[in-house]
Amino acid sequence: MIRTVTLQKLPELCGAGTGYDACTIFVAYRLEAVCDGRRASARVTFRPLIYLHDIHRLAHENYHIEDIRRLAAAYVTDIEQKEFDTESQCRSETAIRMETFGATMQGFARESKFLQHEGR
């Protein structure tokens, strides 16, 4: 979803300081993981919410979305490739990952910000 906003509203909406023309906030994010024996299958869903003052920044915001997609896909692959000692261990670890997925998404966002702003 894309919303055009005033420059003055961006800090409030984005939770960032001044100096930005746009931001993307990831909402409705969720990790679902189910164990079948000692392996898990997983799926990540999220919804990007883009706030723009300058429409020319849309391409840049799309780079952040692609970063998050790539990082989330790698995270799912990591979960699915792991073989646990027991099904109980699988359920326990995937439950922890699902509970802490908000923090994981925040880490993905920080990594994307670094890649797109400082890591060039």
PDB file of N, CA and C in Angstrom:
ATOM      1  N   MET A   1       0.846  -1.161   0.000  1.00  0.00           N
ATOM      2  CA  MET A   1       0.000   0.000   0.000  1.00  0.00           C
ATOM      3  C   MET A   1       0.901   1.236   0.000  1.00  0.00           C
ATOM      4  N   ILE A   2       0.527   2.218  -0.785  1.00  0.00           N
ATOM      5  CA  ILE A   2       1.310   3.446  -0.902  1.00  0.00           C
ATOM      6  C   ILE A   2       0.431   4.618  -0.483  1.00  0.00           C
ATOM      7  N   ARG A   3       0.983   5.464   0.366  1.00  0.00           N
ATOM      8  CA  ARG A   3       0.283   6.676   0.786  1.00  0.00           C
ATOM      9  C   ARG A   3       1.194   7.879   0.581  1.00  0.00           C
ATOM     10  N   THR A   4       0.641   8.910  -0.032  1.00  0.00           N
ATOM     11  CA  THR A   4       1.367  10.164  -0.195  1.00  0.00           C
ATOM     12  C   THR A   4       1.049  11.044   1.006  1.00  0.00           C
ATOM     13  N   VAL A   5       2.091  11.584   1.623  1.00  0.00           N
ATOM     14  CA  VAL A   5       1.917  12.384   2.839  1.00  0.00           C
ATOM     15  C   VAL A   5       2.773  13.648   2.750  1.00  0.00           C
ATOM     16  N   THR A   6       2.506  14.562   3.645  1.00  0.00           N
ATOM     17  CA  THR A   6       3.328  15.777   3.701  1.00  0.00           C
ATOM     18  C   THR A   6       4.682  15.447   4.320  1.00  0.00           C
ATOM     19  N   LEU A   7       5.653  16.250   3.993  1.00  0.00           N
ATOM     20  CA  LEU A   7       6.992  16.066   4.528  1.00  0.00           C
ATOM     21  C   LEU A   7       6.995  16.154   6.051  1.00  0.00           C
ATOM     22  N   GLN A   8       6.130  17.004   6.598  1.00  0.00           N
ATOM     23  CA  GLN A   8       6.059  17.183   8.050  1.00  0.00           C
ATOM     24  C   GLN A   8       5.518  15.945   8.761  1.00  0.00           C
ATOM     25  N   LYS A   9       4.711  15.131   8.080  1.00  0.00           N
ATOM     26  CA  LYS A   9       4.122  13.936   8.691  1.00  0.00           C
ATOM     27  C   LYS A   9       5.066  12.737   8.690  1.00  0.00           C
ATOM     28  N   LEU A  10       6.073  12.754   7.813  1.00  0.00           N
ATOM     29  CA  LEU A  10       6.949  11.587   7.693  1.00  0.00           C
ATOM     30  C   LEU A  10       7.626  11.180   9.001  1.00  0.00           C
ATOM     31  N   PRO A  11       8.218  12.090   9.771  1.00  0.00           N
ATOM     32  CA  PRO A  11       8.856  11.646  11.009  1.00  0.00           C
ATOM     33  C   PRO A  11       7.885  10.929  11.952  1.00  0.00           C
ATOM     34  N   GLU A  12       6.674  11.418  12.045  1.00  0.00           N
ATOM     35  CA  GLU A  12       5.671  10.800  12.908  1.00  0.00           C
ATOM     36  C   GLU A  12       5.281   9.409  12.385  1.00  0.00           C
ATOM     37  N   LEU A  13       5.050   9.298  11.093  1.00  0.00           N
ATOM     38  CA  LEU A  13       4.598   8.041  10.504  1.00  0.00           C
ATOM     39  C   LEU A  13       5.708   7.007  10.408  1.00  0.00           C
ATOM     40  N   CYS A  14       6.917   7.481  10.172  1.00  0.00           N
ATOM     41  CA  CYS A  14       8.029   6.570   9.934  1.00  0.00           C
ATOM     42  C   CYS A  14       8.835   6.254  11.190  1.00  0.00           C
ATOM     43  N   GLY A  15       8.630   7.025  12.230  1.00  0.00           N
ATOM     44  CA  GLY A  15       9.413   6.800  13.438  1.00  0.00           C
ATOM     45  C   GLY A  15      10.877   7.140  13.232  1.00  0.00           C
ATOM     46  N   ALA A  16      11.127   8.061  12.339  1.00  0.00           N
ATOM     47  CA  ALA A  16      12.506   8.450  12.027  1.00  0.00           C
ATOM     48  C   ALA A  16      12.638   9.954  12.145  1.00  0.00           C
ATOM     49  N   GLY A  17      13.860  10.402  12.135  1.00  0.00           N
ATOM     50  CA  GLY A  17      14.107  11.839  12.182  1.00  0.00           C
ATOM     51  C   GLY A  17      13.765  12.495  10.859  1.00  0.00           C
ATOM     52  N   THR A  18      14.110  13.742  10.737  1.00  0.00           N
ATOM     53  CA  THR A  18      13.858  14.475   9.495  1.00  0.00           C
ATOM     54  C   THR A  18      14.905  14.100   8.453  1.00  0.00           C
ATOM     55  N   GLY A  19      14.674  14.551   7.240  1.00  0.00           N
ATOM     56  CA  GLY A  19      15.632  14.292   6.175  1.00  0.00           C
ATOM     57  C   GLY A  19      15.241  13.152   5.256  1.00  0.00           C
ATOM     58  N   TYR A  20      14.080  12.573   5.461  1.00  0.00           N
ATOM     59  CA  TYR A  20      13.599  11.496   4.601  1.00  0.00           C
ATOM     60  C   TYR A  20      12.490  12.002   3.694  1.00  0.00           C
ATOM     61  N   ASP A  21      12.446  11.479   2.464  1.00  0.00           N
ATOM     62  CA  ASP A  21      11.364  11.778   1.529  1.00  0.00           C
ATOM     63  C   ASP A  21      10.329  10.663   1.512  1.00  0.00           C
ATOM     64  N   ALA A  22      10.705   9.506   2.109  1.00  0.00           N
ATOM     65  CA  ALA A  22       9.837   8.335   2.074  1.00  0.00           C
ATOM     66  C   ALA A  22      10.311   7.324   3.107  1.00  0.00           C
ATOM     67  N   CYS A  23       9.437   6.372   3.400  1.00  0.00           N
ATOM     68  CA  CYS A  23       9.824   5.238   4.223  1.00  0.00           C
ATOM     69  C   CYS A  23       8.876   4.087   3.942  1.00  0.00           C
ATOM     70  N   THR A  24       9.331   2.901   4.268  1.00  0.00           N
ATOM     71  CA  THR A  24       8.490   1.710   4.161  1.00  0.00           C
ATOM     72  C   THR A  24       8.441   1.062   5.526  1.00  0.00           C
ATOM     73  N   ILE A  25       7.239   0.816   5.973  1.00  0.00           N
ATOM     74  CA  ILE A  25       7.010   0.134   7.247  1.00  0.00           C
ATOM     75  C   ILE A  25       6.412  -1.222   6.911  1.00  0.00           C
ATOM     76  N   PHE A  26       6.899  -2.251   7.554  1.00  0.00           N
ATOM     77  CA  PHE A  26       6.381  -3.591   7.300  1.00  0.00           C
ATOM     78  C   PHE A  26       5.402  -3.944   8.408  1.00  0.00           C
ATOM     79  N   VAL A  27       4.180  -4.225   7.996  1.00  0.00           N
ATOM     80  CA  VAL A  27       3.109  -4.521   8.941  1.00  0.00           C
ATOM     81  C   VAL A  27       2.541  -5.898   8.618  1.00  0.00           C
ATOM     82  N   ALA A  28       1.724  -6.399   9.510  1.00  0.00           N
ATOM     83  CA  ALA A  28       1.057  -7.693   9.330  1.00  0.00           C
ATOM     84  C   ALA A  28       2.066  -8.778   8.976  1.00  0.00           C
ATOM     85  N   TYR A  29       3.227  -8.742   9.614  1.00  0.00           N
ATOM     86  CA  TYR A  29       4.233  -9.751   9.331  1.00  0.00           C
ATOM     87  C   TYR A  29       4.011 -10.950  10.242  1.00  0.00           C
ATOM     88  N   ARG A  30       4.352 -12.104   9.681  1.00  0.00           N
ATOM     89  CA  ARG A  30       4.097 -13.329  10.426  1.00  0.00           C
ATOM     90  C   ARG A  30       4.965 -14.456   9.889  1.00  0.00           C
ATOM     91  N   LEU A  31       5.463 -15.251  10.803  1.00  0.00           N
ATOM     92  CA  LEU A  31       6.166 -16.477  10.458  1.00  0.00           C
ATOM     93  C   LEU A  31       5.274 -17.630  10.898  1.00  0.00           C
ATOM     94  N   GLU A  32       5.002 -18.519   9.981  1.00  0.00           N
ATOM     95  CA  GLU A  32       4.268 -19.746  10.296  1.00  0.00           C
ATOM     96  C   GLU A  32       5.215 -20.909  10.048  1.00  0.00           C
ATOM     97  N   ALA A  33       5.366 -21.765  11.022  1.00  0.00           N
ATOM     98  CA  ALA A  33       6.237 -22.928  10.876  1.00  0.00           C
ATOM     99  C   ALA A  33       5.540 -24.139  11.487  1.00  0.00           C
ATOM    100  N   VAL A  34       5.601 -25.256  10.756  1.00  0.00           N
ATOM    101  CA  VAL A  34       4.957 -26.495  11.189  1.00  0.00           C
ATOM    102  C   VAL A  34       5.976 -27.620  11.082  1.00  0.00           C
ATOM    103  N   CYS A  35       6.046 -28.420  12.116  1.00  0.00           N
ATOM    104  CA  CYS A  35       6.980 -29.537  12.119  1.00  0.00           C
ATOM    105  C   CYS A  35       6.295 -30.804  11.624  1.00  0.00           C
ATOM    106  N   ASP A  36       7.054 -31.545  10.829  1.00  0.00           N
ATOM    107  CA  ASP A  36       6.634 -32.866  10.373  1.00  0.00           C
ATOM    108  C   ASP A  36       7.818 -33.772  10.648  1.00  0.00           C
ATOM    109  N   GLY A  37       7.773 -34.390  11.785  1.00  0.00           N
ATOM    110  CA  GLY A  37       8.930 -35.158  12.217  1.00  0.00           C
ATOM    111  C   GLY A  37      10.007 -34.223  12.726  1.00  0.00           C
ATOM    112  N   ARG A  38      11.222 -34.397  12.208  1.00  0.00           N
ATOM    113  CA  ARG A  38      12.357 -33.596  12.695  1.00  0.00           C
ATOM    114  C   ARG A  38      12.673 -32.417  11.791  1.00  0.00           C
ATOM    115  N   ARG A  39      11.804 -32.142  10.839  1.00  0.00           N
ATOM    116  CA  ARG A  39      11.975 -31.000   9.929  1.00  0.00           C
ATOM    117  C   ARG A  39      10.742 -30.109   9.975  1.00  0.00           C
ATOM    118  N   ALA A  40      10.967 -28.860   9.628  1.00  0.00           N
ATOM    119  CA  ALA A  40       9.866 -27.887   9.638  1.00  0.00           C
ATOM    120  C   ALA A  40       9.656 -27.345   8.232  1.00  0.00           C
ATOM    121  N   SER A  41       8.437 -26.980   7.960  1.00  0.00           N
ATOM    122  CA  SER A  41       8.152 -26.173   6.773  1.00  0.00           C
ATOM    123  C   SER A  41       7.722 -24.811   7.298  1.00  0.00           C
ATOM    124  N   ALA A  42       8.108 -23.785   6.587  1.00  0.00           N
ATOM    125  CA  ALA A  42       7.866 -22.430   7.100  1.00  0.00           C
ATOM    126  C   ALA A  42       7.418 -21.513   5.973  1.00  0.00           C
ATOM    127  N   ARG A  43       6.782 -20.435   6.401  1.00  0.00           N
ATOM    128  CA  ARG A  43       6.312 -19.425   5.456  1.00  0.00           C
ATOM    129  C   ARG A  43       6.298 -18.080   6.175  1.00  0.00           C
ATOM    130  N   VAL A  44       6.762 -17.046   5.478  1.00  0.00           N
ATOM    131  CA  VAL A  44       6.732 -15.684   5.998  1.00  0.00           C
ATOM    132  C   VAL A  44       5.778 -14.868   5.135  1.00  0.00           C
ATOM    133  N   THR A  45       4.950 -14.082   5.817  1.00  0.00           N
ATOM    134  CA  THR A  45       4.105 -13.120   5.114  1.00  0.00           C
ATOM    135  C   THR A  45       4.306 -11.754   5.762  1.00  0.00           C
ATOM    136  N   PHE A  46       4.189 -10.722   4.942  1.00  0.00           N
ATOM    137  CA  PHE A  46       4.263  -9.357   5.452  1.00  0.00           C
ATOM    138  C   PHE A  46       3.618  -8.443   4.434  1.00  0.00           C
ATOM    139  N   ARG A  47       3.320  -7.251   4.890  1.00  0.00           N
ATOM    140  CA  ARG A  47       2.711  -6.250   4.013  1.00  0.00           C
ATOM    141  C   ARG A  47       3.510  -4.960   4.123  1.00  0.00           C
ATOM    142  N   PRO A  48       4.058  -4.477   3.012  1.00  0.00           N
ATOM    143  CA  PRO A  48       4.772  -3.202   3.051  1.00  0.00           C
ATOM    144  C   PRO A  48       3.795  -2.026   2.956  1.00  0.00           C
ATOM    145  N   LEU A  49       4.017  -1.046   3.792  1.00  0.00           N
ATOM    146  CA  LEU A  49       3.239   0.192   3.784  1.00  0.00           C
ATOM    147  C   LEU A  49       4.222   1.314   3.495  1.00  0.00           C
ATOM    148  N   ILE A  50       4.084   1.922   2.322  1.00  0.00           N
ATOM    149  CA  ILE A  50       5.027   2.948   1.879  1.00  0.00           C
ATOM    150  C   ILE A  50       4.403   4.322   2.085  1.00  0.00           C
ATOM    151  N   TYR A  51       5.149   5.183   2.779  1.00  0.00           N
ATOM    152  CA  TYR A  51       4.765   6.590   2.920  1.00  0.00           C
ATOM    153  C   TYR A  51       5.723   7.406   2.056  1.00  0.00           C
ATOM    154  N   LEU A  52       5.163   8.208   1.166  1.00  0.00           N
ATOM    155  CA  LEU A  52       5.977   8.996   0.242  1.00  0.00           C
ATOM    156  C   LEU A  52       5.631  10.472   0.315  1.00  0.00           C
ATOM    157  N   HIS A  53       6.642  11.288   0.279  1.00  0.00           N
ATOM    158  CA  HIS A  53       6.448  12.711   0.031  1.00  0.00           C
ATOM    159  C   HIS A  53       6.822  12.994  -1.422  1.00  0.00           C
ATOM    160  N   ASP A  54       7.838  12.297  -1.880  1.00  0.00           N
ATOM    161  CA  ASP A  54       8.359  12.475  -3.234  1.00  0.00           C
ATOM    162  C   ASP A  54       8.182  11.167  -3.996  1.00  0.00           C
ATOM    163  N   ILE A  55       7.320  11.147  -4.991  1.00  0.00           N
ATOM    164  CA  ILE A  55       7.014   9.934  -5.753  1.00  0.00           C
ATOM    165  C   ILE A  55       8.251   9.338  -6.411  1.00  0.00           C
ATOM    166  N   HIS A  56       9.259  10.152  -6.644  1.00  0.00           N
ATOM    167  CA  HIS A  56      10.488   9.664  -7.254  1.00  0.00           C
ATOM    168  C   HIS A  56      11.257   8.720  -6.324  1.00  0.00           C
ATOM    169  N   ARG A  57      10.876   8.656  -5.074  1.00  0.00           N
ATOM    170  CA  ARG A  57      11.530   7.777  -4.096  1.00  0.00           C
ATOM    171  C   ARG A  57      10.942   6.367  -4.093  1.00  0.00           C
ATOM    172  N   LEU A  58       9.899   6.151  -4.878  1.00  0.00           N
ATOM    173  CA  LEU A  58       9.246   4.834  -4.888  1.00  0.00           C
ATOM    174  C   LEU A  58      10.213   3.722  -5.295  1.00  0.00           C
ATOM    175  N   ALA A  59      11.021   3.945  -6.289  1.00  0.00           N
ATOM    176  CA  ALA A  59      11.983   2.916  -6.717  1.00  0.00           C
ATOM    177  C   ALA A  59      12.918   2.538  -5.573  1.00  0.00           C
ATOM    178  N   HIS A  60      13.384   3.532  -4.839  1.00  0.00           N
ATOM    179  CA  HIS A  60      14.265   3.267  -3.700  1.00  0.00           C
ATOM    180  C   HIS A  60      13.544   2.429  -2.640  1.00  0.00           C
ATOM    181  N   GLU A  61      12.302   2.759  -2.370  1.00  0.00           N
ATOM    182  CA  GLU A  61      11.540   1.994  -1.371  1.00  0.00           C
ATOM    183  C   GLU A  61      11.332   0.560  -1.835  1.00  0.00           C
ATOM    184  N   ASN A  62      11.184   0.366  -3.133  1.00  0.00           N
ATOM    185  CA  ASN A  62      11.055  -0.991  -3.664  1.00  0.00           C
ATOM    186  C   ASN A  62      12.321  -1.808  -3.433  1.00  0.00           C
ATOM    187  N   TYR A  63      13.490  -1.155  -3.408  1.00  0.00           N
ATOM    188  CA  TYR A  63      14.728  -1.865  -3.082  1.00  0.00           C
ATOM    189  C   TYR A  63      14.669  -2.409  -1.653  1.00  0.00           C
ATOM    190  N   HIS A  64      14.117  -1.628  -0.734  1.00  0.00           N
ATOM    191  CA  HIS A  64      13.970  -2.106   0.645  1.00  0.00           C
ATOM    192  C   HIS A  64      13.031  -3.320   0.695  1.00  0.00           C
ATOM    193  N   ILE A  65      11.946  -3.258  -0.038  1.00  0.00           N
ATOM    194  CA  ILE A  65      10.996  -4.374  -0.063  1.00  0.00           C
ATOM    195  C   ILE A  65      11.672  -5.629  -0.609  1.00  0.00           C
ATOM    196  N   GLU A  66      12.450  -5.479  -1.649  1.00  0.00           N
ATOM    197  CA  GLU A  66      13.159  -6.634  -2.213  1.00  0.00           C
ATOM    198  C   GLU A  66      14.192  -7.181  -1.220  1.00  0.00           C
ATOM    199  N   ASP A  67      14.871  -6.296  -0.491  1.00  0.00           N
ATOM    200  CA  ASP A  67      15.797  -6.755   0.551  1.00  0.00           C
ATOM    201  C   ASP A  67      15.064  -7.622   1.569  1.00  0.00           C
ATOM    202  N   ILE A  68      13.925  -7.154   2.028  1.00  0.00           N
ATOM    203  CA  ILE A  68      13.173  -7.892   3.042  1.00  0.00           C
ATOM    204  C   ILE A  68      12.704  -9.227   2.479  1.00  0.00           C
ATOM    205  N   ARG A  69      12.233  -9.240   1.246  1.00  0.00           N
ATOM    206  CA  ARG A  69      11.826 -10.515   0.617  1.00  0.00           C
ATOM    207  C   ARG A  69      12.999 -11.499   0.580  1.00  0.00           C
ATOM    208  N   ARG A  70      14.151 -11.006   0.182  1.00  0.00           N
ATOM    209  CA  ARG A  70      15.331 -11.868   0.078  1.00  0.00           C
ATOM    210  C   ARG A  70      15.760 -12.389   1.458  1.00  0.00           C
ATOM    211  N   LEU A  71      15.787 -11.497   2.437  1.00  0.00           N
ATOM    212  CA  LEU A  71      16.186 -11.897   3.784  1.00  0.00           C
ATOM    213  C   LEU A  71      15.186 -12.871   4.396  1.00  0.00           C
ATOM    214  N   ALA A  72      13.899 -12.639   4.174  1.00  0.00           N
ATOM    215  CA  ALA A  72      12.865 -13.532   4.704  1.00  0.00           C
ATOM    216  C   ALA A  72      12.949 -14.908   4.030  1.00  0.00           C
ATOM    217  N   ALA A  73      13.199 -14.932   2.733  1.00  0.00           N
ATOM    218  CA  ALA A  73      13.332 -16.207   2.023  1.00  0.00           C
ATOM    219  C   ALA A  73      14.528 -17.001   2.549  1.00  0.00           C
ATOM    220  N   ALA A  74      15.634 -16.323   2.810  1.00  0.00           N
ATOM    221  CA  ALA A  74      16.809 -16.995   3.369  1.00  0.00           C
ATOM    222  C   ALA A  74      16.513 -17.520   4.771  1.00  0.00           C
ATOM    223  N   TYR A  75      15.744 -16.776   5.532  1.00  0.00           N
ATOM    224  CA  TYR A  75      15.368 -17.194   6.884  1.00  0.00           C
ATOM    225  C   TYR A  75      14.521 -18.464   6.822  1.00  0.00           C
ATOM    226  N   VAL A  76      13.552 -18.499   5.915  1.00  0.00           N
ATOM    227  CA  VAL A  76      12.718 -19.687   5.733  1.00  0.00           C
ATOM    228  C   VAL A  76      13.577 -20.875   5.307  1.00  0.00           C
ATOM    229  N   THR A  77      14.485 -20.657   4.380  1.00  0.00           N
ATOM    230  CA  THR A  77      15.377 -21.729   3.927  1.00  0.00           C
ATOM    231  C   THR A  77      16.184 -22.273   5.089  1.00  0.00           C
ATOM    232  N   ASP A  78      16.692 -21.391   5.942  1.00  0.00           N
ATOM    233  CA  ASP A  78      17.460 -21.811   7.116  1.00  0.00           C
ATOM    234  C   ASP A  78      16.612 -22.705   8.023  1.00  0.00           C
ATOM    235  N   ILE A  79      15.380 -22.324   8.249  1.00  0.00           N
ATOM    236  CA  ILE A  79      14.490 -23.131   9.091  1.00  0.00           C
ATOM    237  C   ILE A  79      14.237 -24.493   8.448  1.00  0.00           C
ATOM    238  N   GLU A  80      13.937 -24.489   7.164  1.00  0.00           N
ATOM    239  CA  GLU A  80      13.541 -25.726   6.496  1.00  0.00           C
ATOM    240  C   GLU A  80      14.704 -26.697   6.260  1.00  0.00           C
ATOM    241  N   GLN A  81      15.915 -26.194   6.225  1.00  0.00           N
ATOM    242  CA  GLN A  81      17.064 -27.073   5.997  1.00  0.00           C
ATOM    243  C   GLN A  81      17.579 -27.718   7.277  1.00  0.00           C
ATOM    244  N   LYS A  82      17.166 -27.207   8.400  1.00  0.00           N
ATOM    245  CA  LYS A  82      17.650 -27.740   9.675  1.00  0.00           C
ATOM    246  C   LYS A  82      16.929 -29.036  10.010  1.00  0.00           C
ATOM    247  N   GLU A  83      17.708 -30.007  10.441  1.00  0.00           N
ATOM    248  CA  GLU A  83      17.116 -31.254  10.940  1.00  0.00           C
ATOM    249  C   GLU A  83      17.317 -31.295  12.449  1.00  0.00           C
ATOM    250  N   PHE A  84      16.229 -31.405  13.166  1.00  0.00           N
ATOM    251  CA  PHE A  84      16.253 -31.402  14.628  1.00  0.00           C
ATOM    252  C   PHE A  84      16.460 -32.824  15.140  1.00  0.00           C
ATOM    253  N   ASP A  85      16.877 -32.931  16.387  1.00  0.00           N
ATOM    254  CA  ASP A  85      17.078 -34.250  16.983  1.00  0.00           C
ATOM    255  C   ASP A  85      15.749 -34.972  17.198  1.00  0.00           C
ATOM    256  N   THR A  86      14.721 -34.187  17.558  1.00  0.00           N
ATOM    257  CA  THR A  86      13.398 -34.771  17.803  1.00  0.00           C
ATOM    258  C   THR A  86      12.322 -33.838  17.263  1.00  0.00           C
ATOM    259  N   GLU A  87      11.120 -34.348  17.093  1.00  0.00           N
ATOM    260  CA  GLU A  87      10.009 -33.501  16.679  1.00  0.00           C
ATOM    261  C   GLU A  87       9.677 -32.484  17.766  1.00  0.00           C
ATOM    262  N   SER A  88       9.827 -32.885  19.000  1.00  0.00           N
ATOM    263  CA  SER A  88       9.578 -31.972  20.118  1.00  0.00           C
ATOM    264  C   SER A  88      10.538 -30.782  20.070  1.00  0.00           C
ATOM    265  N   GLN A  89      11.802 -31.041  19.783  1.00  0.00           N
ATOM    266  CA  GLN A  89      12.786 -29.963  19.653  1.00  0.00           C
ATOM    267  C   GLN A  89      12.420 -29.058  18.476  1.00  0.00           C
ATOM    268  N   CYS A  90      11.973 -29.647  17.401  1.00  0.00           N
ATOM    269  CA  CYS A  90      11.543 -28.871  16.233  1.00  0.00           C
ATOM    270  C   CYS A  90      10.407 -27.934  16.620  1.00  0.00           C
ATOM    271  N   ARG A  91       9.398 -28.467  17.291  1.00  0.00           N
ATOM    272  CA  ARG A  91       8.255 -27.641  17.701  1.00  0.00           C
ATOM    273  C   ARG A  91       8.682 -26.531  18.654  1.00  0.00           C
ATOM    274  N   SER A  92       9.565 -26.851  19.576  1.00  0.00           N
ATOM    275  CA  SER A  92      10.028 -25.861  20.554  1.00  0.00           C
ATOM    276  C   SER A  92      10.786 -24.726  19.871  1.00  0.00           C
ATOM    277  N   GLU A  93      11.730 -25.075  18.994  1.00  0.00           N
ATOM    278  CA  GLU A  93      12.527 -24.030  18.343  1.00  0.00           C
ATOM    279  C   GLU A  93      11.693 -23.202  17.372  1.00  0.00           C
ATOM    280  N   THR A  94      10.801 -23.836  16.628  1.00  0.00           N
ATOM    281  CA  THR A  94       9.980 -23.056  15.698  1.00  0.00           C
ATOM    282  C   THR A  94       9.006 -22.159  16.453  1.00  0.00           C
ATOM    283  N   ALA A  95       8.539 -22.607  17.605  1.00  0.00           N
ATOM    284  CA  ALA A  95       7.661 -21.753  18.426  1.00  0.00           C
ATOM    285  C   ALA A  95       8.406 -20.496  18.868  1.00  0.00           C
ATOM    286  N   ILE A  96       9.658 -20.660  19.275  1.00  0.00           N
ATOM    287  CA  ILE A  96      10.469 -19.505  19.685  1.00  0.00           C
ATOM    288  C   ILE A  96      10.676 -18.567  18.503  1.00  0.00           C
ATOM    289  N   ARG A  97      10.983 -19.116  17.349  1.00  0.00           N
ATOM    290  CA  ARG A  97      11.193 -18.277  16.165  1.00  0.00           C
ATOM    291  C   ARG A  97       9.920 -17.515  15.790  1.00  0.00           C
ATOM    292  N   MET A  98       8.769 -18.168  15.923  1.00  0.00           N
ATOM    293  CA  MET A  98       7.512 -17.485  15.605  1.00  0.00           C
ATOM    294  C   MET A  98       7.229 -16.373  16.610  1.00  0.00           C
ATOM    295  N   GLU A  99       7.511 -16.617  17.889  1.00  0.00           N
ATOM    296  CA  GLU A  99       7.274 -15.606  18.926  1.00  0.00           C
ATOM    297  C   GLU A  99       8.187 -14.399  18.783  1.00  0.00           C
ATOM    298  N   THR A 100       9.386 -14.616  18.300  1.00  0.00           N
ATOM    299  CA  THR A 100      10.379 -13.531  18.211  1.00  0.00           C
ATOM    300  C   THR A 100      10.506 -12.975  16.794  1.00  0.00           C
ATOM    301  N   PHE A 101       9.572 -13.308  15.923  1.00  0.00           N
ATOM    302  CA  PHE A 101       9.702 -12.893  14.535  1.00  0.00           C
ATOM    303  C   PHE A 101       9.641 -11.380  14.357  1.00  0.00           C
ATOM    304  N   GLY A 102       8.960 -10.682  15.231  1.00  0.00           N
ATOM    305  CA  GLY A 102       8.941  -9.222  15.154  1.00  0.00           C
ATOM    306  C   GLY A 102      10.347  -8.648  15.258  1.00  0.00           C
ATOM    307  N   ALA A 103      11.116  -9.151  16.194  1.00  0.00           N
ATOM    308  CA  ALA A 103      12.502  -8.697  16.350  1.00  0.00           C
ATOM    309  C   ALA A 103      13.337  -9.095  15.132  1.00  0.00           C
ATOM    310  N   THR A 104      13.053 -10.257  14.570  1.00  0.00           N
ATOM    311  CA  THR A 104      13.756 -10.693  13.364  1.00  0.00           C
ATOM    312  C   THR A 104      13.477  -9.741  12.213  1.00  0.00           C
ATOM    313  N   MET A 105      12.219  -9.355  12.039  1.00  0.00           N
ATOM    314  CA  MET A 105      11.863  -8.402  10.980  1.00  0.00           C
ATOM    315  C   MET A 105      12.550  -7.059  11.195  1.00  0.00           C
ATOM    316  N   GLN A 106      12.642  -6.621  12.439  1.00  0.00           N
ATOM    317  CA  GLN A 106      13.343  -5.370  12.724  1.00  0.00           C
ATOM    318  C   GLN A 106      14.814  -5.480  12.323  1.00  0.00           C
ATOM    319  N   GLY A 107      15.398  -6.638  12.551  1.00  0.00           N
ATOM    320  CA  GLY A 107      16.778  -6.873  12.126  1.00  0.00           C
ATOM    321  C   GLY A 107      16.911  -6.836  10.612  1.00  0.00           C
ATOM    322  N   PHE A 108      15.946  -7.423   9.909  1.00  0.00           N
ATOM    323  CA  PHE A 108      15.951  -7.360   8.448  1.00  0.00           C
ATOM    324  C   PHE A 108      15.882  -5.906   7.985  1.00  0.00           C
ATOM    325  N   ALA A 109      15.030  -5.113   8.627  1.00  0.00           N
ATOM    326  CA  ALA A 109      14.871  -3.698   8.246  1.00  0.00           C
ATOM    327  C   ALA A 109      16.173  -2.932   8.478  1.00  0.00           C
ATOM    328  N   ARG A 110      16.836  -3.195   9.599  1.00  0.00           N
ATOM    329  CA  ARG A 110      18.127  -2.528   9.856  1.00  0.00           C
ATOM    330  C   ARG A 110      19.160  -2.916   8.802  1.00  0.00           C
ATOM    331  N   GLU A 111      19.174  -4.195   8.440  1.00  0.00           N
ATOM    332  CA  GLU A 111      20.129  -4.643   7.428  1.00  0.00           C
ATOM    333  C   GLU A 111      19.841  -3.976   6.083  1.00  0.00           C
ATOM    334  N   SER A 112      18.563  -3.875   5.714  1.00  0.00           N
ATOM    335  CA  SER A 112      18.204  -3.217   4.463  1.00  0.00           C
ATOM    336  C   SER A 112      18.594  -1.745   4.490  1.00  0.00           C
ATOM    337  N   LYS A 113      18.351  -1.107   5.608  1.00  0.00           N
ATOM    338  CA  LYS A 113      18.724   0.315   5.719  1.00  0.00           C
ATOM    339  C   LYS A 113      20.228   0.477   5.530  1.00  0.00           C
ATOM    340  N   PHE A 114      21.000  -0.399   6.141  1.00  0.00           N
ATOM    341  CA  PHE A 114      22.453  -0.342   5.963  1.00  0.00           C
ATOM    342  C   PHE A 114      22.821  -0.574   4.500  1.00  0.00           C
ATOM    343  N   LEU A 115      22.264  -1.613   3.899  1.00  0.00           N
ATOM    344  CA  LEU A 115      22.593  -1.937   2.514  1.00  0.00           C
ATOM    345  C   LEU A 115      22.247  -0.803   1.551  1.00  0.00           C
ATOM    346  N   GLN A 116      21.103  -0.192   1.747  1.00  0.00           N
ATOM    347  CA  GLN A 116      20.625   0.823   0.802  1.00  0.00           C
ATOM    348  C   GLN A 116      21.159   2.230   1.080  1.00  0.00           C
ATOM    349  N   HIS A 117      21.601   2.468   2.325  1.00  0.00           N
ATOM    350  CA  HIS A 117      22.039   3.831   2.665  1.00  0.00           C
ATOM    351  C   HIS A 117      23.527   3.939   2.969  1.00  0.00           C
ATOM    352  N   GLU A 118      24.062   2.990   3.697  1.00  0.00           N
ATOM    353  CA  GLU A 118      25.453   3.115   4.110  1.00  0.00           C
ATOM    354  C   GLU A 118      26.380   2.134   3.419  1.00  0.00           C
ATOM    355  N   GLY A 119      25.850   1.017   2.935  1.00  0.00           N
ATOM    356  CA  GLY A 119      26.685  -0.039   2.390  1.00  0.00           C
ATOM    357  C   GLY A 119      26.972   0.065   0.904  1.00  0.00           C
ATOM    358  N   ARG A 120      26.595   1.167   0.311  1.00  0.00           N
ATOM    359  CA  ARG A 120      26.777   1.306  -1.147  1.00  0.00           C
ATOM    360  C   ARG A 120      28.198   1.238  -1.559  1.00  0.00           C
TER     361      ARG A 120
END
